[in-house]
Amino acid sequence: MQGNYITNFLKSEDIIWEDIIENDNRIELHIKMKQKPHICPRCGATTSKIH
């Protein structure tokens, strides 16, 4: 069910809320994800940025 996925996503601890803007016909949710270290598939180094 899509509603559950969206609700769970928005409750995630990995979400950083930037802003919520309400207009006449829409609500804008400005969010970003917390950076997590991962292994670059190209060079194999651990990184938290795209390089």
N, C-alpha and C. Protein backbone atom coordinates (compact mmCIF):
# COMPACT_ATOMS: atom_id res chain seq x y z
N MET A 1 0.84 -1.18 0.00
CA MET A 1 0.00 0.00 0.00
C MET A 1 0.89 1.25 0.00
N GLN A 2 0.73 2.13 -0.95
CA GLN A 2 1.60 3.29 -1.11
C GLN A 2 1.54 4.22 0.09
N GLY A 3 0.38 4.43 0.69
CA GLY A 3 0.25 5.34 1.83
C GLY A 3 1.15 4.93 2.98
N ASN A 4 1.25 3.63 3.24
CA ASN A 4 2.11 3.15 4.32
C ASN A 4 3.57 3.41 4.01
N TYR A 5 3.98 3.22 2.79
CA TYR A 5 5.37 3.48 2.40
C TYR A 5 5.72 4.94 2.63
N ILE A 6 4.88 5.85 2.18
CA ILE A 6 5.15 7.27 2.34
C ILE A 6 5.18 7.65 3.82
N THR A 7 4.23 7.15 4.59
CA THR A 7 4.19 7.44 6.03
C THR A 7 5.46 6.94 6.71
N ASN A 8 5.85 5.72 6.41
CA ASN A 8 7.07 5.16 7.01
C ASN A 8 8.31 5.94 6.58
N PHE A 9 8.37 6.35 5.33
CA PHE A 9 9.50 7.13 4.83
C PHE A 9 9.61 8.46 5.58
N LEU A 10 8.49 9.15 5.75
CA LEU A 10 8.51 10.45 6.41
C LEU A 10 8.79 10.36 7.90
N LYS A 11 8.57 9.20 8.50
CA LYS A 11 8.88 8.99 9.92
C LYS A 11 10.32 8.51 10.13
N SER A 12 11.02 8.26 9.08
CA SER A 12 12.37 7.71 9.15
C SER A 12 13.32 8.64 9.91
N GLU A 13 14.23 8.05 10.68
CA GLU A 13 15.24 8.82 11.38
C GLU A 13 16.31 9.35 10.43
N ASP A 14 16.32 8.87 9.19
CA ASP A 14 17.30 9.32 8.20
C ASP A 14 16.88 10.60 7.49
N ILE A 15 15.68 11.12 7.80
CA ILE A 15 15.15 12.31 7.15
C ILE A 15 15.52 13.56 7.95
N ILE A 16 15.97 14.58 7.26
CA ILE A 16 16.21 15.90 7.86
C ILE A 16 15.20 16.84 7.24
N TRP A 17 14.31 17.38 8.08
CA TRP A 17 13.28 18.31 7.60
C TRP A 17 13.89 19.69 7.40
N GLU A 18 13.78 20.22 6.19
CA GLU A 18 14.29 21.55 5.87
C GLU A 18 13.19 22.61 6.00
N ASP A 19 12.02 22.32 5.44
CA ASP A 19 10.94 23.30 5.43
C ASP A 19 9.64 22.63 4.99
N ILE A 20 8.52 23.21 5.42
CA ILE A 20 7.19 22.80 4.96
C ILE A 20 6.49 24.08 4.51
N ILE A 21 6.09 24.11 3.24
CA ILE A 21 5.45 25.30 2.68
C ILE A 21 4.06 24.93 2.20
N GLU A 22 3.07 25.63 2.71
CA GLU A 22 1.68 25.40 2.31
C GLU A 22 1.25 26.50 1.35
N ASN A 23 0.79 26.10 0.16
CA ASN A 23 0.25 27.01 -0.83
C ASN A 23 -1.25 26.74 -0.97
N ASP A 24 -1.91 27.47 -1.84
CA ASP A 24 -3.35 27.30 -2.02
C ASP A 24 -3.74 25.87 -2.42
N ASN A 25 -2.95 25.26 -3.30
CA ASN A 25 -3.36 23.96 -3.84
C ASN A 25 -2.32 22.85 -3.63
N ARG A 26 -1.30 23.08 -2.79
CA ARG A 26 -0.31 22.03 -2.56
C ARG A 26 0.46 22.28 -1.27
N ILE A 27 1.13 21.25 -0.82
CA ILE A 27 2.03 21.34 0.33
C ILE A 27 3.39 20.85 -0.16
N GLU A 28 4.41 21.66 0.06
CA GLU A 28 5.78 21.30 -0.35
C GLU A 28 6.55 20.86 0.89
N LEU A 29 7.10 19.66 0.84
CA LEU A 29 7.93 19.14 1.92
C LEU A 29 9.38 19.18 1.45
N HIS A 30 10.18 20.00 2.08
CA HIS A 30 11.59 20.11 1.73
C HIS A 30 12.38 19.29 2.73
N ILE A 31 12.93 18.18 2.25
CA ILE A 31 13.66 17.26 3.11
C ILE A 31 14.98 16.88 2.45
N LYS A 32 15.88 16.33 3.27
CA LYS A 32 17.08 15.72 2.72
C LYS A 32 17.40 14.51 3.56
N MET A 33 18.18 13.63 3.02
CA MET A 33 18.55 12.40 3.70
C MET A 33 19.90 12.59 4.40
N LYS A 34 20.05 11.99 5.57
CA LYS A 34 21.33 12.00 6.26
C LYS A 34 22.33 11.22 5.42
N GLN A 35 23.56 11.72 5.36
CA GLN A 35 24.59 11.02 4.61
C GLN A 35 25.06 9.81 5.40
N LYS A 36 25.26 8.72 4.69
CA LYS A 36 25.77 7.49 5.29
C LYS A 36 27.01 7.05 4.51
N PRO A 37 28.02 6.61 5.22
CA PRO A 37 29.19 6.08 4.50
C PRO A 37 28.81 4.85 3.68
N HIS A 38 29.39 4.73 2.53
CA HIS A 38 29.16 3.58 1.67
C HIS A 38 30.43 3.30 0.88
N ILE A 39 30.48 2.20 0.22
CA ILE A 39 31.65 1.83 -0.57
C ILE A 39 31.42 2.24 -2.01
N CYS A 40 32.34 3.00 -2.56
CA CYS A 40 32.25 3.45 -3.95
C CYS A 40 32.36 2.23 -4.86
N PRO A 41 31.40 2.06 -5.78
CA PRO A 41 31.46 0.89 -6.67
C PRO A 41 32.60 0.98 -7.68
N ARG A 42 33.16 2.16 -7.85
CA ARG A 42 34.22 2.32 -8.85
C ARG A 42 35.61 2.09 -8.26
N CYS A 43 35.90 2.78 -7.12
CA CYS A 43 37.25 2.69 -6.58
C CYS A 43 37.35 1.80 -5.33
N GLY A 44 36.21 1.46 -4.72
CA GLY A 44 36.21 0.59 -3.56
C GLY A 44 36.48 1.28 -2.23
N ALA A 45 36.69 2.61 -2.25
CA ALA A 45 36.95 3.36 -1.02
C ALA A 45 35.66 3.63 -0.27
N THR A 46 35.73 3.71 1.06
CA THR A 46 34.58 4.10 1.87
C THR A 46 34.47 5.61 1.82
N THR A 47 33.26 6.10 1.53
CA THR A 47 33.05 7.53 1.37
C THR A 47 31.61 7.89 1.77
N SER A 48 31.40 9.15 2.10
CA SER A 48 30.04 9.63 2.35
C SER A 48 29.63 10.67 1.31
N LYS A 49 30.43 10.80 0.27
CA LYS A 49 30.14 11.75 -0.80
C LYS A 49 30.26 11.07 -2.16
N ILE A 50 29.61 11.64 -3.14
CA ILE A 50 29.76 11.17 -4.52
C ILE A 50 31.07 11.75 -5.06
N HIS A 51 31.89 10.91 -5.62
CA HIS A 51 33.15 11.39 -6.19
C HIS A 51 33.48 10.67 -7.48
